[in-house]
Amino acid sequence: MPDTFTFPYQLPKEITLVYGEAGTGKTTVITRRIAYLIEQGVKPEEILALAFGEKAAGEMEERVDQLLP
């Protein structure tokens, strides 16, 4: 992976792009961000998180559930 990554488009500030190699903590960053947004009053149905597979998506959902009271 290159030392720097340039995304070819300007993203709105409401969008978070997490990019990294395996084992760098991407899932942790995403799940904590989702939990934070929900705690701040964002409705879960207004949050879109994408994963590469069903297993990863299920793991993210479980982690968010564990972080929230």
PDB file of N, CA and C in Angstrom:
ATOM      1  N   MET A   1       0.843  -1.171   0.000  1.00  0.00           N
ATOM      2  CA  MET A   1       0.000   0.000   0.000  1.00  0.00           C
ATOM      3  C   MET A   1       0.892   1.240   0.000  1.00  0.00           C
ATOM      4  N   PRO A   2       0.545   2.242  -0.770  1.00  0.00           N
ATOM      5  CA  PRO A   2       1.360   3.460  -0.796  1.00  0.00           C
ATOM      6  C   PRO A   2       1.292   4.183   0.555  1.00  0.00           C
ATOM      7  N   ASP A   3       2.283   5.026   0.819  1.00  0.00           N
ATOM      8  CA  ASP A   3       2.308   5.785   2.072  1.00  0.00           C
ATOM      9  C   ASP A   3       1.143   6.755   2.174  1.00  0.00           C
ATOM     10  N   THR A   4       0.682   7.243   1.060  1.00  0.00           N
ATOM     11  CA  THR A   4      -0.458   8.160   1.058  1.00  0.00           C
ATOM     12  C   THR A   4      -1.516   7.627   0.113  1.00  0.00           C
ATOM     13  N   PHE A   5      -2.741   7.988   0.392  1.00  0.00           N
ATOM     14  CA  PHE A   5      -3.859   7.571  -0.448  1.00  0.00           C
ATOM     15  C   PHE A   5      -4.654   8.809  -0.795  1.00  0.00           C
ATOM     16  N   THR A   6      -4.858   9.040  -2.070  1.00  0.00           N
ATOM     17  CA  THR A   6      -5.636  10.180  -2.510  1.00  0.00           C
ATOM     18  C   THR A   6      -6.924   9.677  -3.127  1.00  0.00           C
ATOM     19  N   PHE A   7      -8.035  10.080  -2.529  1.00  0.00           N
ATOM     20  CA  PHE A   7      -9.335   9.701  -3.074  1.00  0.00           C
ATOM     21  C   PHE A   7      -9.648  10.668  -4.208  1.00  0.00           C
ATOM     22  N   PRO A   8     -10.059  10.168  -5.362  1.00  0.00           N
ATOM     23  CA  PRO A   8     -10.216  11.034  -6.530  1.00  0.00           C
ATOM     24  C   PRO A   8     -11.430  11.960  -6.499  1.00  0.00           C
ATOM     25  N   TYR A   9     -12.232  11.909  -5.462  1.00  0.00           N
ATOM     26  CA  TYR A   9     -13.426  12.748  -5.386  1.00  0.00           C
ATOM     27  C   TYR A   9     -13.443  13.503  -4.066  1.00  0.00           C
ATOM     28  N   GLN A  10     -14.057  14.664  -4.059  1.00  0.00           N
ATOM     29  CA  GLN A  10     -14.255  15.411  -2.823  1.00  0.00           C
ATOM     30  C   GLN A  10     -15.487  14.856  -2.128  1.00  0.00           C
ATOM     31  N   LEU A  11     -15.312  14.333  -0.919  1.00  0.00           N
ATOM     32  CA  LEU A  11     -16.420  13.746  -0.183  1.00  0.00           C
ATOM     33  C   LEU A  11     -17.083  14.800   0.698  1.00  0.00           C
ATOM     34  N   PRO A  12     -18.407  14.766   0.807  1.00  0.00           N
ATOM     35  CA  PRO A  12     -19.070  15.662   1.762  1.00  0.00           C
ATOM     36  C   PRO A  12     -18.584  15.346   3.170  1.00  0.00           C
ATOM     37  N   LYS A  13     -18.590  16.341   4.055  1.00  0.00           N
ATOM     38  CA  LYS A  13     -18.052  16.122   5.401  1.00  0.00           C
ATOM     39  C   LYS A  13     -18.862  15.110   6.206  1.00  0.00           C
ATOM     40  N   GLU A  14     -20.078  14.802   5.785  1.00  0.00           N
ATOM     41  CA  GLU A  14     -20.893  13.810   6.483  1.00  0.00           C
ATOM     42  C   GLU A  14     -20.467  12.375   6.178  1.00  0.00           C
ATOM     43  N   ILE A  15     -19.616  12.195   5.192  1.00  0.00           N
ATOM     44  CA  ILE A  15     -19.191  10.861   4.771  1.00  0.00           C
ATOM     45  C   ILE A  15     -17.807  10.562   5.337  1.00  0.00           C
ATOM     46  N   THR A  16     -17.664   9.374   5.896  1.00  0.00           N
ATOM     47  CA  THR A  16     -16.369   8.937   6.408  1.00  0.00           C
ATOM     48  C   THR A  16     -15.893   7.773   5.554  1.00  0.00           C
ATOM     49  N   LEU A  17     -14.709   7.897   5.008  1.00  0.00           N
ATOM     50  CA  LEU A  17     -14.101   6.828   4.230  1.00  0.00           C
ATOM     51  C   LEU A  17     -12.977   6.228   5.057  1.00  0.00           C
ATOM     52  N   VAL A  18     -13.042   4.924   5.306  1.00  0.00           N
ATOM     53  CA  VAL A  18     -12.003   4.238   6.065  1.00  0.00           C
ATOM     54  C   VAL A  18     -11.316   3.268   5.107  1.00  0.00           C
ATOM     55  N   TYR A  19     -10.020   3.443   4.937  1.00  0.00           N
ATOM     56  CA  TYR A  19      -9.257   2.645   3.992  1.00  0.00           C
ATOM     57  C   TYR A  19      -7.993   2.152   4.677  1.00  0.00           C
ATOM     58  N   GLY A  20      -7.687   0.883   4.546  1.00  0.00           N
ATOM     59  CA  GLY A  20      -6.459   0.361   5.136  1.00  0.00           C
ATOM     60  C   GLY A  20      -6.308  -1.121   4.855  1.00  0.00           C
ATOM     61  N   GLU A  21      -5.141  -1.620   5.178  1.00  0.00           N
ATOM     62  CA  GLU A  21      -4.849  -3.043   4.978  1.00  0.00           C
ATOM     63  C   GLU A  21      -5.485  -3.876   6.077  1.00  0.00           C
ATOM     64  N   ALA A  22      -5.445  -5.177   5.903  1.00  0.00           N
ATOM     65  CA  ALA A  22      -5.980  -6.099   6.901  1.00  0.00           C
ATOM     66  C   ALA A  22      -5.268  -5.898   8.236  1.00  0.00           C
ATOM     67  N   GLY A  23      -6.060  -5.916   9.305  1.00  0.00           N
ATOM     68  CA  GLY A  23      -5.496  -5.811  10.636  1.00  0.00           C
ATOM     69  C   GLY A  23      -5.147  -4.414  11.108  1.00  0.00           C
ATOM     70  N   THR A  24      -5.608  -3.390  10.397  1.00  0.00           N
ATOM     71  CA  THR A  24      -5.261  -2.017  10.765  1.00  0.00           C
ATOM     72  C   THR A  24      -6.320  -1.337  11.624  1.00  0.00           C
ATOM     73  N   GLY A  25      -7.426  -2.018  11.916  1.00  0.00           N
ATOM     74  CA  GLY A  25      -8.436  -1.453  12.803  1.00  0.00           C
ATOM     75  C   GLY A  25      -9.614  -0.783  12.120  1.00  0.00           C
ATOM     76  N   LYS A  26      -9.817  -1.074  10.854  1.00  0.00           N
ATOM     77  CA  LYS A  26     -10.926  -0.454  10.116  1.00  0.00           C
ATOM     78  C   LYS A  26     -12.279  -0.757  10.758  1.00  0.00           C
ATOM     79  N   THR A  27     -12.519  -2.006  11.091  1.00  0.00           N
ATOM     80  CA  THR A  27     -13.807  -2.392  11.667  1.00  0.00           C
ATOM     81  C   THR A  27     -14.013  -1.703  13.006  1.00  0.00           C
ATOM     82  N   THR A  28     -12.972  -1.599  13.799  1.00  0.00           N
ATOM     83  CA  THR A  28     -13.073  -0.907  15.086  1.00  0.00           C
ATOM     84  C   THR A  28     -13.434   0.556  14.883  1.00  0.00           C
ATOM     85  N   VAL A  29     -12.783   1.217  13.945  1.00  0.00           N
ATOM     86  CA  VAL A  29     -13.066   2.623  13.664  1.00  0.00           C
ATOM     87  C   VAL A  29     -14.520   2.789  13.217  1.00  0.00           C
ATOM     88  N   ILE A  30     -14.969   1.937  12.317  1.00  0.00           N
ATOM     89  CA  ILE A  30     -16.327   2.046  11.786  1.00  0.00           C
ATOM     90  C   ILE A  30     -17.361   1.791  12.869  1.00  0.00           C
ATOM     91  N   THR A  31     -17.186   0.734  13.658  1.00  0.00           N
ATOM     92  CA  THR A  31     -18.192   0.401  14.668  1.00  0.00           C
ATOM     93  C   THR A  31     -18.245   1.458  15.769  1.00  0.00           C
ATOM     94  N   ARG A  32     -17.110   1.985  16.161  1.00  0.00           N
ATOM     95  CA  ARG A  32     -17.114   3.043  17.180  1.00  0.00           C
ATOM     96  C   ARG A  32     -17.749   4.317  16.645  1.00  0.00           C
ATOM     97  N   ARG A  33     -17.523   4.615  15.382  1.00  0.00           N
ATOM     98  CA  ARG A  33     -18.142   5.796  14.768  1.00  0.00           C
ATOM     99  C   ARG A  33     -19.657   5.624  14.710  1.00  0.00           C
ATOM    100  N   ILE A  34     -20.130   4.451  14.331  1.00  0.00           N
ATOM    101  CA  ILE A  34     -21.576   4.191  14.278  1.00  0.00           C
ATOM    102  C   ILE A  34     -22.182   4.323  15.671  1.00  0.00           C
ATOM    103  N   ALA A  35     -21.550   3.723  16.676  1.00  0.00           N
ATOM    104  CA  ALA A  35     -22.053   3.811  18.049  1.00  0.00           C
ATOM    105  C   ALA A  35     -22.097   5.266  18.505  1.00  0.00           C
ATOM    106  N   TYR A  36     -21.062   6.035  18.190  1.00  0.00           N
ATOM    107  CA  TYR A  36     -21.013   7.450  18.557  1.00  0.00           C
ATOM    108  C   TYR A  36     -22.168   8.214  17.909  1.00  0.00           C
ATOM    109  N   LEU A  37     -22.386   7.980  16.625  1.00  0.00           N
ATOM    110  CA  LEU A  37     -23.470   8.677  15.925  1.00  0.00           C
ATOM    111  C   LEU A  37     -24.824   8.367  16.559  1.00  0.00           C
ATOM    112  N   ILE A  38     -25.048   7.105  16.902  1.00  0.00           N
ATOM    113  CA  ILE A  38     -26.315   6.711  17.531  1.00  0.00           C
ATOM    114  C   ILE A  38     -26.449   7.389  18.892  1.00  0.00           C
ATOM    115  N   GLU A  39     -25.370   7.431  19.665  1.00  0.00           N
ATOM    116  CA  GLU A  39     -25.401   8.103  20.964  1.00  0.00           C
ATOM    117  C   GLU A  39     -25.686   9.594  20.831  1.00  0.00           C
ATOM    118  N   GLN A  40     -25.310  10.178  19.688  1.00  0.00           N
ATOM    119  CA  GLN A  40     -25.538  11.603  19.445  1.00  0.00           C
ATOM    120  C   GLN A  40     -26.931  11.882  18.894  1.00  0.00           C
ATOM    121  N   GLY A  41     -27.737  10.829  18.723  1.00  0.00           N
ATOM    122  CA  GLY A  41     -29.112  11.015  18.302  1.00  0.00           C
ATOM    123  C   GLY A  41     -29.423  10.675  16.857  1.00  0.00           C
ATOM    124  N   VAL A  42     -28.427  10.224  16.108  1.00  0.00           N
ATOM    125  CA  VAL A  42     -28.684   9.820  14.729  1.00  0.00           C
ATOM    126  C   VAL A  42     -29.440   8.490  14.760  1.00  0.00           C
ATOM    127  N   LYS A  43     -30.497   8.406  13.998  1.00  0.00           N
ATOM    128  CA  LYS A  43     -31.281   7.170  13.955  1.00  0.00           C
ATOM    129  C   LYS A  43     -30.487   6.089  13.212  1.00  0.00           C
ATOM    130  N   PRO A  44     -30.480   4.870  13.759  1.00  0.00           N
ATOM    131  CA  PRO A  44     -29.726   3.790  13.097  1.00  0.00           C
ATOM    132  C   PRO A  44     -30.124   3.587  11.636  1.00  0.00           C
ATOM    133  N   GLU A  45     -31.398   3.776  11.320  1.00  0.00           N
ATOM    134  CA  GLU A  45     -31.831   3.584   9.930  1.00  0.00           C
ATOM    135  C   GLU A  45     -31.324   4.673   8.988  1.00  0.00           C
ATOM    136  N   GLU A  46     -30.691   5.706   9.537  1.00  0.00           N
ATOM    137  CA  GLU A  46     -30.117   6.777   8.715  1.00  0.00           C
ATOM    138  C   GLU A  46     -28.612   6.588   8.493  1.00  0.00           C
ATOM    139  N   ILE A  47     -28.065   5.489   9.000  1.00  0.00           N
ATOM    140  CA  ILE A  47     -26.633   5.216   8.880  1.00  0.00           C
ATOM    141  C   ILE A  47     -26.418   4.087   7.868  1.00  0.00           C
ATOM    142  N   LEU A  48     -25.507   4.308   6.939  1.00  0.00           N
ATOM    143  CA  LEU A  48     -25.168   3.293   5.950  1.00  0.00           C
ATOM    144  C   LEU A  48     -23.705   2.903   6.140  1.00  0.00           C
ATOM    145  N   ALA A  49     -23.475   1.638   6.397  1.00  0.00           N
ATOM    146  CA  ALA A  49     -22.114   1.107   6.499  1.00  0.00           C
ATOM    147  C   ALA A  49     -22.017  -0.071   5.537  1.00  0.00           C
ATOM    148  N   LEU A  50     -20.955  -0.117   4.775  1.00  0.00           N
ATOM    149  CA  LEU A  50     -20.774  -1.175   3.793  1.00  0.00           C
ATOM    150  C   LEU A  50     -19.621  -2.072   4.189  1.00  0.00           C
ATOM    151  N   ALA A  51     -19.793  -3.364   3.976  1.00  0.00           N
ATOM    152  CA  ALA A  51     -18.744  -4.344   4.238  1.00  0.00           C
ATOM    153  C   ALA A  51     -18.598  -5.213   2.993  1.00  0.00           C
ATOM    154  N   PHE A  52     -17.479  -5.916   2.898  1.00  0.00           N
ATOM    155  CA  PHE A  52     -17.237  -6.733   1.718  1.00  0.00           C
ATOM    156  C   PHE A  52     -17.960  -8.071   1.732  1.00  0.00           C
ATOM    157  N   GLY A  53     -18.468  -8.478   2.873  1.00  0.00           N
ATOM    158  CA  GLY A  53     -19.165  -9.750   2.931  1.00  0.00           C
ATOM    159  C   GLY A  53     -20.152  -9.792   4.073  1.00  0.00           C
ATOM    160  N   GLU A  54     -21.006 -10.799   4.045  1.00  0.00           N
ATOM    161  CA  GLU A  54     -22.031 -10.935   5.076  1.00  0.00           C
ATOM    162  C   GLU A  54     -21.414 -11.195   6.445  1.00  0.00           C
ATOM    163  N   LYS A  55     -20.341 -11.961   6.480  1.00  0.00           N
ATOM    164  CA  LYS A  55     -19.689 -12.259   7.752  1.00  0.00           C
ATOM    165  C   LYS A  55     -19.170 -10.972   8.392  1.00  0.00           C
ATOM    166  N   ALA A  56     -18.504 -10.147   7.616  1.00  0.00           N
ATOM    167  CA  ALA A  56     -17.972  -8.877   8.127  1.00  0.00           C
ATOM    168  C   ALA A  56     -19.105  -7.946   8.546  1.00  0.00           C
ATOM    169  N   ALA A  57     -20.177  -7.923   7.777  1.00  0.00           N
ATOM    170  CA  ALA A  57     -21.321  -7.067   8.115  1.00  0.00           C
ATOM    171  C   ALA A  57     -21.943  -7.517   9.435  1.00  0.00           C
ATOM    172  N   GLY A  58     -22.087  -8.808   9.617  1.00  0.00           N
ATOM    173  CA  GLY A  58     -22.635  -9.335  10.869  1.00  0.00           C
ATOM    174  C   GLY A  58     -21.742  -9.015  12.051  1.00  0.00           C
ATOM    175  N   GLU A  59     -20.428  -9.104  11.842  1.00  0.00           N
ATOM    176  CA  GLU A  59     -19.480  -8.787  12.905  1.00  0.00           C
ATOM    177  C   GLU A  59     -19.574  -7.309  13.285  1.00  0.00           C
ATOM    178  N   MET A  60     -19.703  -6.442  12.305  1.00  0.00           N
ATOM    179  CA  MET A  60     -19.843  -5.017  12.600  1.00  0.00           C
ATOM    180  C   MET A  60     -21.115  -4.758  13.399  1.00  0.00           C
ATOM    181  N   GLU A  61     -22.205  -5.388  13.010  1.00  0.00           N
ATOM    182  CA  GLU A  61     -23.468  -5.205  13.725  1.00  0.00           C
ATOM    183  C   GLU A  61     -23.342  -5.680  15.180  1.00  0.00           C
ATOM    184  N   GLU A  62     -22.712  -6.829  15.388  1.00  0.00           N
ATOM    185  CA  GLU A  62     -22.517  -7.354  16.741  1.00  0.00           C
ATOM    186  C   GLU A  62     -21.664  -6.402  17.582  1.00  0.00           C
ATOM    187  N   ARG A  63     -20.620  -5.870  16.988  1.00  0.00           N
ATOM    188  CA  ARG A  63     -19.731  -4.964  17.730  1.00  0.00           C
ATOM    189  C   ARG A  63     -20.465  -3.679  18.122  1.00  0.00           C
ATOM    190  N   VAL A  64     -21.272  -3.143  17.214  1.00  0.00           N
ATOM    191  CA  VAL A  64     -22.043  -1.936  17.551  1.00  0.00           C
ATOM    192  C   VAL A  64     -23.008  -2.248  18.691  1.00  0.00           C
ATOM    193  N   ASP A  65     -23.676  -3.386  18.634  1.00  0.00           N
ATOM    194  CA  ASP A  65     -24.601  -3.781  19.699  1.00  0.00           C
ATOM    195  C   ASP A  65     -23.880  -3.875  21.047  1.00  0.00           C
ATOM    196  N   GLN A  66     -22.647  -4.371  21.056  1.00  0.00           N
ATOM    197  CA  GLN A  66     -21.879  -4.494  22.295  1.00  0.00           C
ATOM    198  C   GLN A  66     -21.467  -3.133  22.843  1.00  0.00           C
ATOM    199  N   LEU A  67     -21.260  -2.153  21.971  1.00  0.00           N
ATOM    200  CA  LEU A  67     -20.832  -0.830  22.408  1.00  0.00           C
ATOM    201  C   LEU A  67     -21.971   0.014  22.980  1.00  0.00           C
ATOM    202  N   LEU A  68     -23.186  -0.260  22.536  1.00  0.00           N
ATOM    203  CA  LEU A  68     -24.325   0.549  22.978  1.00  0.00           C
ATOM    204  C   LEU A  68     -24.961  -0.053  24.229  1.00  0.00           C
ATOM    205  N   PRO A  69     -25.467   0.823  25.123  1.00  0.00           N
ATOM    206  CA  PRO A  69     -26.121   0.328  26.334  1.00  0.00           C
ATOM    207  C   PRO A  69     -27.434  -0.373  26.037  1.00  0.00           C
TER     208      PRO A  69
END
